[in-house]
Amino acid sequence: MKLLFVCTRNVARSPMAESLLGEMLREQGRHEARSVGTASDASRRLTTRDVAWADVVAVMDDAHRALIEASWPTHVHKVQVLGVLDEYDPDEPELRGVLAPKIRELIERVEVAESGAAPTHLAIDVEGDEGSVRANDTVARPAVTRLVASPGT
């Protein structure tokens, strides 16, 4: 599975998410990850090629999702909103703490999608054409998800 992490400047959030995914799946080698930013001064800027390459596009906030929806509407079904605000410096320990549970949930979600099995439990909110689903509900394959880390997870 190819995962693309998207933040604004590709300085803190998306590179940290890419790094965490690599740490968590170091021995599996089944997933590829990249990180990009949406701003014109991003260290690596989001392109059509990136969006087309990815199986999953994990964006940090709703503004990134909206940009992808406006620029690449045929790829919006790949988007998952992690819900991580742009208030962290690179390598800030709190950023790792916020991202780690969201990346673990993303891994679970991706592996469930790859296996084709229906999950029994995911801590996510899902937004889509059919309304909303809350934590503890079973979800097959929603188009857009918002991963939510509960306190203590």
Protein backbone atom coordinates (compact mmCIF):
# COMPACT_ATOMS: atom_id res chain seq x y z
CA MET A 1 0.00 0.00 0.00
CA LYS A 2 1.30 3.45 -0.91
CA LEU A 3 0.58 6.14 1.73
CA LEU A 4 1.00 9.85 1.14
CA PHE A 5 1.10 12.15 4.18
CA VAL A 6 0.14 15.76 3.52
CA CYS A 7 0.58 18.86 5.69
CA THR A 8 1.15 22.52 4.83
CA ARG A 9 4.93 23.04 4.58
CA ASN A 10 6.20 19.44 4.86
CA VAL A 11 8.37 20.44 7.80
CA ALA A 12 6.86 18.87 10.92
CA ARG A 13 3.59 16.92 10.70
CA SER A 14 3.79 14.94 7.46
CA PRO A 15 7.52 14.08 7.75
CA MET A 16 6.93 12.93 11.33
CA ALA A 17 3.96 10.82 10.21
CA GLU A 18 6.08 9.25 7.45
CA SER A 19 8.85 8.53 9.96
CA LEU A 20 6.45 7.03 12.52
CA LEU A 21 4.89 4.77 9.90
CA GLY A 22 8.37 3.56 8.96
CA GLU A 23 9.24 2.87 12.60
CA MET A 24 6.00 1.01 13.23
CA LEU A 25 6.24 -1.12 10.07
CA ARG A 26 10.02 -1.40 9.76
CA GLU A 27 10.03 -5.18 9.52
CA GLN A 28 6.95 -5.64 7.35
CA GLY A 29 8.10 -3.77 4.25
CA ARG A 30 4.63 -3.97 2.70
CA HIS A 31 3.88 -0.25 2.71
CA GLU A 32 5.58 2.70 1.03
CA ALA A 33 5.22 6.25 2.35
CA ARG A 34 6.00 9.77 1.21
CA SER A 35 5.34 13.17 2.74
CA VAL A 36 4.53 16.44 0.99
CA GLY A 37 3.20 19.91 1.71
CA THR A 38 0.55 22.07 0.09
CA ALA A 39 2.21 25.51 0.47
CA SER A 40 4.22 27.09 -2.33
CA ASP A 41 7.26 27.12 -0.01
CA ALA A 42 6.86 23.48 1.10
CA SER A 43 10.10 21.51 1.21
CA ARG A 44 8.42 18.97 -1.10
CA ARG A 45 5.25 20.24 -2.77
CA LEU A 46 2.13 18.13 -3.45
CA THR A 47 1.76 17.24 -7.14
CA THR A 48 -0.65 15.36 -9.37
CA ARG A 49 1.92 12.59 -9.58
CA ASP A 50 1.91 12.21 -5.76
CA VAL A 51 -1.87 12.00 -5.56
CA ALA A 52 -2.01 9.50 -8.43
CA TRP A 53 0.79 7.39 -6.86
CA ALA A 54 -0.92 7.04 -3.48
CA ASP A 55 -3.46 4.43 -2.47
CA VAL A 56 -4.18 6.42 0.70
CA VAL A 57 -3.73 10.17 1.17
CA ALA A 58 -3.53 10.98 4.89
CA VAL A 59 -3.99 14.72 5.32
CA MET A 60 -3.48 16.59 8.57
CA ASP A 61 -6.59 18.77 8.47
CA ASP A 62 -9.78 19.63 6.61
CA ALA A 63 -8.10 22.41 4.59
CA HIS A 64 -5.79 19.83 2.99
CA ARG A 65 -8.75 17.61 2.19
CA ALA A 66 -10.59 20.55 0.62
CA LEU A 67 -7.56 21.39 -1.53
CA ILE A 68 -7.35 17.82 -2.82
CA GLU A 69 -11.09 17.73 -3.44
CA ALA A 70 -10.88 20.99 -5.44
CA SER A 71 -7.71 20.12 -7.36
CA TRP A 72 -8.07 16.34 -7.79
CA PRO A 73 -11.75 15.44 -7.27
CA THR A 74 -11.31 11.96 -8.74
CA HIS A 75 -8.83 11.14 -5.95
CA VAL A 76 -10.77 12.47 -2.95
CA HIS A 77 -11.94 8.94 -2.14
CA LYS A 78 -8.36 8.19 -1.02
CA VAL A 79 -8.30 10.96 1.60
CA GLN A 80 -8.24 10.31 5.32
CA VAL A 81 -8.16 13.32 7.66
CA LEU A 82 -5.89 12.74 10.66
CA GLY A 83 -6.97 15.92 12.48
CA VAL A 84 -3.55 17.21 13.57
CA LEU A 85 -3.37 21.00 13.88
CA ASP A 86 -0.40 23.04 12.64
CA GLU A 87 0.89 23.99 16.08
CA TYR A 88 4.02 21.85 16.42
CA ASP A 89 7.69 22.36 15.66
CA PRO A 90 9.70 19.61 13.93
CA ASP A 91 10.81 16.86 16.33
CA GLU A 92 8.61 18.23 19.12
CA PRO A 93 7.83 15.30 21.48
CA GLU A 94 4.16 16.31 21.72
CA LEU A 95 3.80 15.90 17.96
CA ARG A 96 4.95 12.28 18.20
CA GLY A 97 2.44 11.75 21.00
CA VAL A 98 -0.42 13.16 18.95
CA LEU A 99 0.50 11.37 15.71
CA ALA A 100 1.42 7.92 17.06
CA PRO A 101 -2.13 6.73 17.90
CA LYS A 102 -3.46 8.17 14.64
CA ILE A 103 -0.80 6.37 12.63
CA ARG A 104 -1.55 3.10 14.47
CA GLU A 105 -5.24 3.53 13.57
CA LEU A 106 -4.30 4.34 9.99
CA ILE A 107 -2.20 1.15 9.80
CA GLU A 108 -5.12 -0.88 11.14
CA ARG A 109 -7.47 0.73 8.64
CA VAL A 110 -5.11 0.09 5.70
CA GLU A 111 -4.52 -3.52 6.71
CA VAL A 112 -8.25 -4.14 7.07
CA ALA A 113 -8.81 -2.65 3.61
CA GLU A 114 -6.05 -4.82 2.14
CA SER A 115 -7.43 -8.00 3.70
CA GLY A 116 -11.00 -7.24 2.66
CA ALA A 117 -12.21 -8.17 6.15
CA ALA A 118 -14.70 -6.00 7.95
CA PRO A 119 -13.25 -4.47 11.11
CA THR A 120 -14.88 -5.21 14.42
CA HIS A 121 -13.82 -1.93 16.00
CA LEU A 122 -12.15 1.26 14.82
CA ALA A 123 -11.89 4.51 16.74
CA ILE A 124 -12.87 6.74 13.82
CA ASP A 125 -15.49 9.17 12.68
CA VAL A 126 -16.64 8.66 9.12
CA GLU A 127 -18.22 11.30 6.94
CA GLY A 128 -19.83 10.37 3.69
CA ASP A 129 -22.90 10.29 1.55
CA GLU A 130 -24.63 7.95 3.99
CA GLY A 131 -24.29 10.18 7.08
CA SER A 132 -21.91 9.66 9.96
CA VAL A 133 -20.55 6.70 11.87
CA ARG A 134 -19.05 7.05 15.33
CA ALA A 135 -16.44 5.14 17.30
CA ASN A 136 -17.17 1.47 17.96
CA ASP A 137 -19.28 1.09 14.80
CA THR A 138 -18.31 -1.39 12.12
CA VAL A 139 -17.26 0.25 8.86
CA ALA A 140 -16.61 -1.53 5.57
CA ARG A 141 -14.86 0.95 3.24
CA PRO A 142 -15.84 4.60 3.74
CA ALA A 143 -14.79 7.19 1.19
CA VAL A 144 -13.48 9.77 3.66
CA THR A 145 -12.51 9.19 7.26
CA ARG A 146 -11.40 11.29 10.16
CA LEU A 147 -9.20 9.35 12.58
CA VAL A 148 -9.81 10.41 16.17
CA ALA A 149 -7.53 9.50 19.06
CA SER A 150 -9.42 9.19 22.30
CA PRO A 151 -7.69 10.15 25.56
CA GLY A 152 -5.81 7.20 26.96
CA THR A 153 -5.46 5.36 23.62
